[in-house]
Amino acid sequence: MSESATSGVREMTVASAFAGMRSVSPVVFRAGCPDCRGRFELTASDLRLAIGATSRTTFYSFTCPECGASVRKPAGERIVELLTGGGVSTLRLHSAL
């Protein structure tokens, strides 16, 4: 970083801003299948999140990697926060007027 003689403000280059950074590991979510009782880890691309107007219409879903079953589970406020923060694709459901 260098300091400007007139303003006293330090300038930062892109190279210095990212110096020492390493690649980031993808977020992994632990899940379970109610059909086969399998326990496994899923990436954000394995999950889908639907946010509806009520708690009954807000859920996440995935396909079980062990038995192939379609799994749909309710998503409370905290689950929505974790999934969206982890990069899970989100679909907002709108009620008909």
N, C-alpha and C. Protein backbone atom coordinates (compact mmCIF):
# COMPACT_ATOMS: atom_id res chain seq x y z
N MET A 1 0.84 -1.17 0.00
CA MET A 1 0.00 0.00 0.00
C MET A 1 0.89 1.23 0.00
N SER A 2 0.45 2.23 -0.70
CA SER A 2 1.21 3.48 -0.72
C SER A 2 0.34 4.59 -0.15
N GLU A 3 0.98 5.63 0.32
CA GLU A 3 0.23 6.73 0.92
C GLU A 3 0.35 7.96 0.03
N SER A 4 -0.77 8.58 -0.23
CA SER A 4 -0.80 9.79 -1.03
C SER A 4 -0.23 10.94 -0.21
N ALA A 5 0.67 11.71 -0.80
CA ALA A 5 1.31 12.81 -0.08
C ALA A 5 0.34 13.94 0.23
N THR A 6 -0.66 14.12 -0.61
CA THR A 6 -1.56 15.25 -0.41
C THR A 6 -2.75 14.93 0.48
N SER A 7 -3.28 13.73 0.41
CA SER A 7 -4.51 13.44 1.16
C SER A 7 -4.29 12.64 2.42
N GLY A 8 -3.16 11.97 2.54
CA GLY A 8 -2.94 11.11 3.70
C GLY A 8 -3.74 9.83 3.63
N VAL A 9 -4.37 9.54 2.50
CA VAL A 9 -5.17 8.35 2.31
C VAL A 9 -4.31 7.28 1.64
N ARG A 10 -4.40 6.08 2.15
CA ARG A 10 -3.63 4.98 1.56
C ARG A 10 -4.37 4.40 0.37
N GLU A 11 -3.63 4.12 -0.68
CA GLU A 11 -4.19 3.49 -1.86
C GLU A 11 -3.87 2.00 -1.81
N MET A 12 -4.79 1.20 -2.27
CA MET A 12 -4.60 -0.24 -2.23
C MET A 12 -4.75 -0.80 -3.64
N THR A 13 -3.84 -1.66 -4.02
CA THR A 13 -3.96 -2.32 -5.32
C THR A 13 -4.75 -3.60 -5.15
N VAL A 14 -5.28 -4.12 -6.23
CA VAL A 14 -6.01 -5.39 -6.19
C VAL A 14 -5.09 -6.50 -5.70
N ALA A 15 -3.87 -6.51 -6.18
CA ALA A 15 -2.92 -7.55 -5.78
C ALA A 15 -2.67 -7.54 -4.28
N SER A 16 -2.52 -6.35 -3.69
CA SER A 16 -2.27 -6.30 -2.25
C SER A 16 -3.52 -6.65 -1.44
N ALA A 17 -4.70 -6.32 -1.98
CA ALA A 17 -5.95 -6.63 -1.28
C ALA A 17 -6.17 -8.14 -1.18
N PHE A 18 -5.78 -8.88 -2.21
CA PHE A 18 -6.02 -10.32 -2.23
C PHE A 18 -4.77 -11.14 -1.92
N ALA A 19 -3.70 -10.49 -1.54
CA ALA A 19 -2.46 -11.20 -1.22
C ALA A 19 -2.69 -12.15 -0.05
N GLY A 20 -2.21 -13.35 -0.20
CA GLY A 20 -2.31 -14.34 0.88
C GLY A 20 -3.63 -15.08 0.94
N MET A 21 -4.61 -14.71 0.12
CA MET A 21 -5.89 -15.42 0.13
C MET A 21 -5.74 -16.76 -0.56
N ARG A 22 -6.45 -17.72 -0.06
CA ARG A 22 -6.45 -19.05 -0.64
C ARG A 22 -7.83 -19.31 -1.22
N SER A 23 -7.94 -20.40 -1.98
CA SER A 23 -9.25 -20.73 -2.54
C SER A 23 -10.19 -21.10 -1.39
N VAL A 24 -11.45 -20.84 -1.58
CA VAL A 24 -12.45 -21.08 -0.56
C VAL A 24 -13.14 -22.40 -0.86
N SER A 25 -13.31 -23.23 0.16
CA SER A 25 -13.99 -24.50 -0.01
C SER A 25 -15.49 -24.25 -0.12
N PRO A 26 -16.18 -25.03 -0.95
CA PRO A 26 -17.62 -24.85 -1.06
C PRO A 26 -18.33 -25.21 0.25
N VAL A 27 -19.46 -24.57 0.49
CA VAL A 27 -20.25 -24.86 1.68
C VAL A 27 -20.89 -26.23 1.50
N VAL A 28 -20.89 -27.00 2.57
CA VAL A 28 -21.48 -28.34 2.54
C VAL A 28 -22.56 -28.40 3.61
N PHE A 29 -23.72 -28.96 3.24
CA PHE A 29 -24.84 -29.10 4.16
C PHE A 29 -25.06 -30.57 4.47
N ARG A 30 -25.32 -30.88 5.72
CA ARG A 30 -25.63 -32.26 6.11
C ARG A 30 -27.13 -32.45 6.04
N ALA A 31 -27.52 -33.60 5.52
CA ALA A 31 -28.95 -33.88 5.38
C ALA A 31 -29.19 -35.36 5.59
N GLY A 32 -30.45 -35.70 5.70
CA GLY A 32 -30.85 -37.09 5.87
C GLY A 32 -32.10 -37.38 5.07
N CYS A 33 -32.24 -38.62 4.66
CA CYS A 33 -33.39 -39.04 3.88
C CYS A 33 -34.38 -39.77 4.78
N PRO A 34 -35.63 -39.34 4.82
CA PRO A 34 -36.62 -40.02 5.64
C PRO A 34 -37.01 -41.39 5.09
N ASP A 35 -36.78 -41.64 3.81
CA ASP A 35 -37.14 -42.93 3.20
C ASP A 35 -36.13 -44.02 3.53
N CYS A 36 -34.86 -43.79 3.18
CA CYS A 36 -33.83 -44.82 3.38
C CYS A 36 -33.01 -44.61 4.63
N ARG A 37 -33.24 -43.50 5.34
CA ARG A 37 -32.51 -43.14 6.55
C ARG A 37 -31.03 -42.87 6.32
N GLY A 38 -30.66 -42.63 5.07
CA GLY A 38 -29.28 -42.31 4.74
C GLY A 38 -28.90 -40.94 5.27
N ARG A 39 -27.63 -40.78 5.65
CA ARG A 39 -27.09 -39.49 6.08
C ARG A 39 -25.97 -39.14 5.13
N PHE A 40 -25.92 -37.88 4.67
CA PHE A 40 -24.96 -37.51 3.64
C PHE A 40 -24.74 -36.02 3.65
N GLU A 41 -23.80 -35.56 2.83
CA GLU A 41 -23.51 -34.14 2.68
C GLU A 41 -23.91 -33.71 1.28
N LEU A 42 -24.47 -32.51 1.19
CA LEU A 42 -24.91 -31.95 -0.09
C LEU A 42 -24.28 -30.57 -0.29
N THR A 43 -24.04 -30.22 -1.53
CA THR A 43 -23.56 -28.87 -1.84
C THR A 43 -24.76 -27.98 -2.15
N ALA A 44 -24.52 -26.70 -2.27
CA ALA A 44 -25.60 -25.74 -2.56
C ALA A 44 -26.33 -26.10 -3.86
N SER A 45 -25.60 -26.62 -4.84
CA SER A 45 -26.24 -26.95 -6.12
C SER A 45 -27.14 -28.18 -6.03
N ASP A 46 -27.02 -28.96 -4.95
CA ASP A 46 -27.86 -30.15 -4.75
C ASP A 46 -29.21 -29.80 -4.11
N LEU A 47 -29.32 -28.59 -3.58
CA LEU A 47 -30.51 -28.19 -2.84
C LEU A 47 -31.30 -27.12 -3.59
N ARG A 48 -32.60 -27.07 -3.32
CA ARG A 48 -33.47 -26.02 -3.83
C ARG A 48 -34.27 -25.48 -2.65
N LEU A 49 -34.47 -24.18 -2.62
CA LEU A 49 -35.20 -23.53 -1.54
C LEU A 49 -36.37 -22.77 -2.13
N ALA A 50 -37.55 -23.00 -1.59
CA ALA A 50 -38.75 -22.26 -2.00
C ALA A 50 -39.26 -21.47 -0.80
N ILE A 51 -39.42 -20.17 -1.00
CA ILE A 51 -39.90 -19.30 0.08
C ILE A 51 -41.30 -18.83 -0.27
N GLY A 52 -42.24 -19.25 0.55
CA GLY A 52 -43.64 -18.89 0.33
C GLY A 52 -44.11 -17.84 1.31
N ALA A 53 -45.39 -17.57 1.27
CA ALA A 53 -45.98 -16.54 2.13
C ALA A 53 -46.12 -17.01 3.57
N THR A 54 -46.13 -18.32 3.80
CA THR A 54 -46.29 -18.86 5.16
C THR A 54 -45.23 -19.92 5.42
N SER A 55 -45.16 -20.35 6.66
CA SER A 55 -44.22 -21.41 7.02
C SER A 55 -44.58 -22.73 6.33
N ARG A 56 -45.85 -22.92 5.99
CA ARG A 56 -46.28 -24.16 5.31
C ARG A 56 -45.83 -24.18 3.85
N THR A 57 -45.58 -23.01 3.29
CA THR A 57 -45.16 -22.96 1.88
C THR A 57 -43.69 -22.60 1.71
N THR A 58 -42.94 -22.66 2.80
CA THR A 58 -41.50 -22.42 2.74
C THR A 58 -40.80 -23.74 3.06
N PHE A 59 -40.00 -24.21 2.11
CA PHE A 59 -39.38 -25.53 2.25
C PHE A 59 -38.10 -25.62 1.42
N TYR A 60 -37.30 -26.63 1.71
CA TYR A 60 -36.16 -26.95 0.86
C TYR A 60 -36.33 -28.37 0.37
N SER A 61 -35.71 -28.66 -0.75
CA SER A 61 -35.86 -30.00 -1.31
C SER A 61 -34.55 -30.44 -1.96
N PHE A 62 -34.44 -31.76 -2.10
CA PHE A 62 -33.27 -32.35 -2.74
C PHE A 62 -33.62 -33.78 -3.13
N THR A 63 -32.78 -34.38 -3.94
CA THR A 63 -32.93 -35.77 -4.31
C THR A 63 -31.91 -36.56 -3.51
N CYS A 64 -32.37 -37.61 -2.83
CA CYS A 64 -31.48 -38.43 -2.02
C CYS A 64 -30.44 -39.09 -2.92
N PRO A 65 -29.16 -38.88 -2.64
CA PRO A 65 -28.12 -39.49 -3.47
C PRO A 65 -28.00 -41.00 -3.27
N GLU A 66 -28.62 -41.53 -2.22
CA GLU A 66 -28.52 -42.96 -1.94
C GLU A 66 -29.67 -43.77 -2.54
N CYS A 67 -30.91 -43.26 -2.41
CA CYS A 67 -32.06 -44.04 -2.91
C CYS A 67 -32.80 -43.35 -4.05
N GLY A 68 -32.49 -42.08 -4.32
CA GLY A 68 -33.12 -41.36 -5.42
C GLY A 68 -34.47 -40.75 -5.09
N ALA A 69 -34.89 -40.83 -3.83
CA ALA A 69 -36.18 -40.27 -3.43
C ALA A 69 -36.15 -38.74 -3.47
N SER A 70 -37.28 -38.15 -3.83
CA SER A 70 -37.42 -36.70 -3.75
C SER A 70 -37.78 -36.35 -2.32
N VAL A 71 -36.99 -35.49 -1.70
CA VAL A 71 -37.20 -35.14 -0.30
C VAL A 71 -37.57 -33.67 -0.21
N ARG A 72 -38.60 -33.38 0.58
CA ARG A 72 -39.04 -32.01 0.81
C ARG A 72 -39.20 -31.82 2.31
N LYS A 73 -38.52 -30.80 2.85
CA LYS A 73 -38.56 -30.55 4.29
C LYS A 73 -38.90 -29.09 4.56
N PRO A 74 -39.61 -28.82 5.65
CA PRO A 74 -39.94 -27.43 5.99
C PRO A 74 -38.67 -26.64 6.31
N ALA A 75 -38.70 -25.37 5.98
CA ALA A 75 -37.55 -24.50 6.24
C ALA A 75 -38.00 -23.32 7.08
N GLY A 76 -37.60 -23.33 8.33
CA GLY A 76 -37.87 -22.20 9.22
C GLY A 76 -36.92 -21.05 8.90
N GLU A 77 -37.07 -20.00 9.66
CA GLU A 77 -36.29 -18.78 9.42
C GLU A 77 -34.78 -19.04 9.43
N ARG A 78 -34.31 -19.81 10.40
CA ARG A 78 -32.87 -20.08 10.53
C ARG A 78 -32.36 -20.93 9.36
N ILE A 79 -33.13 -21.91 8.95
CA ILE A 79 -32.74 -22.76 7.82
C ILE A 79 -32.67 -21.92 6.55
N VAL A 80 -33.64 -21.05 6.34
CA VAL A 80 -33.63 -20.16 5.16
C VAL A 80 -32.37 -19.30 5.18
N GLU A 81 -32.04 -18.77 6.33
CA GLU A 81 -30.85 -17.93 6.47
C GLU A 81 -29.57 -18.70 6.12
N LEU A 82 -29.45 -19.92 6.64
CA LEU A 82 -28.27 -20.73 6.37
C LEU A 82 -28.17 -21.13 4.90
N LEU A 83 -29.28 -21.54 4.32
CA LEU A 83 -29.26 -21.99 2.93
C LEU A 83 -28.98 -20.84 1.97
N THR A 84 -29.62 -19.70 2.17
CA THR A 84 -29.36 -18.57 1.28
C THR A 84 -27.93 -18.06 1.45
N GLY A 85 -27.45 -18.04 2.69
CA GLY A 85 -26.08 -17.63 2.94
C GLY A 85 -25.06 -18.58 2.34
N GLY A 86 -25.45 -19.83 2.18
CA GLY A 86 -24.57 -20.84 1.60
C GLY A 86 -24.67 -20.96 0.10
N GLY A 87 -25.47 -20.09 -0.52
CA GLY A 87 -25.54 -20.07 -1.98
C GLY A 87 -26.58 -20.97 -2.61
N VAL A 88 -27.54 -21.47 -1.83
CA VAL A 88 -28.59 -22.32 -2.38
C VAL A 88 -29.53 -21.49 -3.24
N SER A 89 -29.87 -22.01 -4.39
CA SER A 89 -30.77 -21.36 -5.33
C SER A 89 -32.15 -21.20 -4.68
N THR A 90 -32.72 -20.01 -4.76
CA THR A 90 -33.98 -19.71 -4.08
C THR A 90 -35.06 -19.31 -5.07
N LEU A 91 -36.25 -19.87 -4.85
CA LEU A 91 -37.43 -19.54 -5.63
C LEU A 91 -38.43 -18.89 -4.68
N ARG A 92 -38.88 -17.70 -5.01
CA ARG A 92 -39.89 -17.02 -4.19
C ARG A 92 -41.26 -17.31 -4.76
N LEU A 93 -42.12 -17.91 -3.95
CA LEU A 93 -43.47 -18.25 -4.38
C LEU A 93 -44.40 -17.08 -4.05
N HIS A 94 -45.23 -16.70 -5.00
CA HIS A 94 -46.18 -15.61 -4.79
C HIS A 94 -47.59 -16.18 -4.82
N SER A 95 -48.42 -15.69 -3.92
CA SER A 95 -49.81 -16.16 -3.89
C SER A 95 -50.60 -15.46 -5.00
N ALA A 96 -51.60 -16.14 -5.47
CA ALA A 96 -52.46 -15.57 -6.51
C ALA A 96 -53.34 -14.48 -5.89
N LEU A 97 -53.53 -13.39 -6.60
CA LEU A 97 -54.35 -12.29 -6.08
C LEU A 97 -55.81 -12.52 -6.35
